[in-house]
Amino acid sequence: MAGNKKPRKRHDPNKMAKLIVARTMAHVKASPITDAEAAPLETAVLSGLEEMRKGTATPDEWNSVARGINHAWTLAQHGIGAEALPTIAEAEVGMKRAEARYKATGRLVLDGEGLNAVRLALELWGQQLRMSTVGEADKATRLVEREYWRKAA
């Protein structure tokens, strides 16, 4: 073999499949979130809020609502519905009051002011979801989960 000839590149039989998957994922991430995709996300959080309203919530429902609020905050921080930040901050204060009440009484329930703030924040979160792409929502979800577990540890 000549000294100036480059060695051949290794053959990758999955190269075309990887390319197709990468292009498909880029297309999906750029797609806007539809009502059909947003509804299941909202349902879990809103059912947790309903349990908190009734006073029958467990820490699981509180976590669900808290993650919805954190997701709204993260989307707002990244420019999707940034005008919702004051409302989200009020909702966080209401959730902290509910947490303090839970530690004192054993019941996870929002007071009237907190309930109104959380309802409005979650309504705005639903609008934020519909304004975002799948990739933006996924990025925000991953950030919320990473931060949540970091604090829980």
Protein backbone atom coordinates (compact mmCIF):
# COMPACT_ATOMS: atom_id res chain seq x y z
CA MET A 1 0.00 0.00 0.00
CA ALA A 2 1.25 3.46 -0.84
CA GLY A 3 2.42 5.58 2.04
CA ASN A 4 0.13 8.46 1.12
CA LYS A 5 -3.11 6.47 0.90
CA LYS A 6 -5.54 6.98 3.82
CA PRO A 7 -6.97 3.89 5.47
CA ARG A 8 -10.60 3.12 4.74
CA LYS A 9 -13.27 4.25 7.17
CA ARG A 10 -14.94 1.53 9.15
CA HIS A 11 -18.21 0.40 7.60
CA ASP A 12 -21.28 1.22 9.74
CA PRO A 13 -24.25 -0.84 8.57
CA ASN A 14 -26.63 1.25 10.72
CA LYS A 15 -25.48 4.62 9.41
CA MET A 16 -28.56 5.16 7.24
CA ALA A 17 -30.94 4.09 10.01
CA LYS A 18 -29.23 6.48 12.46
CA LEU A 19 -29.53 9.30 9.95
CA ILE A 20 -33.25 8.63 9.41
CA VAL A 21 -33.90 8.50 13.16
CA ALA A 22 -31.98 11.75 13.73
CA ARG A 23 -33.93 13.57 11.01
CA THR A 24 -37.25 12.20 12.28
CA MET A 25 -36.45 13.27 15.86
CA ALA A 26 -35.52 16.76 14.66
CA HIS A 27 -38.85 16.98 12.83
CA VAL A 28 -40.80 15.78 15.89
CA LYS A 29 -38.99 18.18 18.25
CA ALA A 30 -39.83 21.09 15.95
CA SER A 31 -43.53 20.19 15.87
CA PRO A 32 -45.95 22.24 17.98
CA ILE A 33 -47.74 20.50 20.84
CA THR A 34 -51.33 19.75 19.92
CA ASP A 35 -54.38 19.79 22.18
CA ALA A 36 -54.43 15.99 22.03
CA GLU A 37 -50.85 15.86 23.34
CA ALA A 38 -51.31 18.55 26.00
CA ALA A 39 -54.55 17.17 27.46
CA PRO A 40 -53.07 14.06 29.16
CA LEU A 41 -50.31 16.18 30.71
CA GLU A 42 -52.86 18.60 32.11
CA THR A 43 -55.24 15.89 33.29
CA ALA A 44 -52.77 14.38 35.76
CA VAL A 45 -51.90 17.75 37.24
CA LEU A 46 -55.48 19.04 37.37
CA SER A 47 -56.71 15.86 39.05
CA GLY A 48 -54.04 16.39 41.71
CA LEU A 49 -55.26 19.96 42.15
CA GLU A 50 -58.84 18.70 42.55
CA GLU A 51 -57.72 16.35 45.32
CA MET A 52 -55.95 19.25 47.02
CA ARG A 53 -59.11 21.33 46.73
CA LYS A 54 -61.15 18.59 48.40
CA GLY A 55 -58.52 18.04 51.11
CA THR A 56 -57.96 14.40 50.14
CA ALA A 57 -54.58 14.86 48.44
CA THR A 58 -51.54 12.75 49.19
CA PRO A 59 -47.91 13.79 48.63
CA ASP A 60 -48.21 12.23 45.15
CA GLU A 61 -50.89 14.74 44.14
CA TRP A 62 -48.91 17.59 45.71
CA ASN A 63 -45.84 16.51 43.68
CA SER A 64 -47.91 16.37 40.50
CA VAL A 65 -49.20 19.91 41.00
CA ALA A 66 -45.74 21.16 42.03
CA ARG A 67 -44.17 19.68 38.90
CA GLY A 68 -46.80 21.39 36.72
CA ILE A 69 -45.99 24.72 38.36
CA ASN A 70 -42.25 24.08 38.02
CA HIS A 71 -42.75 23.20 34.36
CA ALA A 72 -44.66 26.45 33.83
CA TRP A 73 -41.86 28.38 35.55
CA THR A 74 -39.19 26.68 33.41
CA LEU A 75 -41.06 27.38 30.17
CA ALA A 76 -41.54 31.02 31.23
CA GLN A 77 -37.85 31.36 32.07
CA HIS A 78 -37.05 30.14 28.55
CA GLY A 79 -39.29 32.76 26.94
CA ILE A 80 -42.56 30.86 26.54
CA GLY A 81 -45.20 32.86 28.39
CA ALA A 82 -42.75 34.90 30.47
CA GLU A 83 -45.61 37.23 31.48
CA ALA A 84 -46.93 34.38 33.66
CA LEU A 85 -43.98 34.54 36.08
CA PRO A 86 -45.72 36.70 38.75
CA THR A 87 -48.72 34.35 38.77
CA ILE A 88 -46.45 31.32 38.98
CA ALA A 89 -44.60 32.91 41.91
CA GLU A 90 -47.93 33.39 43.73
CA ALA A 91 -48.81 29.76 43.07
CA GLU A 92 -45.48 28.64 44.52
CA VAL A 93 -46.17 30.65 47.68
CA GLY A 94 -49.60 29.00 47.94
CA MET A 95 -48.04 25.56 47.55
CA LYS A 96 -45.51 26.32 50.28
CA ARG A 97 -48.36 27.33 52.61
CA ALA A 98 -50.10 24.05 51.81
CA GLU A 99 -46.88 22.16 52.55
CA ALA A 100 -46.53 23.94 55.91
CA ARG A 101 -50.17 23.13 56.72
CA TYR A 102 -49.53 19.47 55.82
CA LYS A 103 -46.59 19.30 58.21
CA ALA A 104 -48.74 20.83 60.96
CA THR A 105 -52.05 19.02 60.40
CA GLY A 106 -51.37 16.07 58.08
CA ARG A 107 -53.78 17.40 55.40
CA LEU A 108 -52.65 18.67 52.01
CA VAL A 109 -55.11 21.43 51.23
CA LEU A 110 -54.74 24.85 49.61
CA ASP A 111 -56.23 27.96 51.16
CA GLY A 112 -58.54 30.08 48.98
CA GLU A 113 -55.86 32.49 47.82
CA GLY A 114 -53.45 29.65 47.06
CA LEU A 115 -56.11 27.67 45.21
CA ASN A 116 -56.91 30.62 42.96
CA ALA A 117 -53.23 31.29 42.26
CA VAL A 118 -52.48 27.64 41.49
CA ARG A 119 -55.55 27.31 39.23
CA LEU A 120 -54.52 30.38 37.25
CA ALA A 121 -50.89 29.27 37.03
CA LEU A 122 -51.92 25.84 35.73
CA GLU A 123 -54.31 27.41 33.23
CA LEU A 124 -51.44 29.55 31.96
CA TRP A 125 -49.23 26.45 31.89
CA GLY A 126 -51.74 24.80 29.55
CA GLN A 127 -51.47 27.80 27.25
CA GLN A 128 -47.68 27.67 27.48
CA LEU A 129 -47.73 24.03 26.44
CA ARG A 130 -49.77 24.87 23.36
CA MET A 131 -47.36 27.68 22.46
CA SER A 132 -44.30 25.44 22.68
CA THR A 133 -42.80 22.77 20.48
CA VAL A 134 -42.34 19.17 21.53
CA GLY A 135 -38.60 19.80 21.86
CA GLU A 136 -39.06 22.87 24.09
CA ALA A 137 -41.49 21.07 26.37
CA ASP A 138 -39.23 18.02 26.53
CA LYS A 139 -36.22 20.17 27.40
CA ALA A 140 -38.19 21.92 30.16
CA THR A 141 -39.47 18.58 31.50
CA ARG A 142 -35.96 17.16 31.66
CA LEU A 143 -34.71 20.26 33.45
CA VAL A 144 -37.54 20.14 36.00
CA GLU A 145 -36.93 16.43 36.67
CA ARG A 146 -33.16 16.92 37.02
CA GLU A 147 -33.60 19.81 39.46
CA TYR A 148 -36.39 18.05 41.38
CA TRP A 149 -34.33 14.92 41.97
CA ARG A 150 -31.23 16.93 42.81
CA LYS A 151 -33.14 18.72 45.59
CA ALA A 152 -34.80 15.50 46.79
CA ALA A 153 -31.43 13.78 47.28
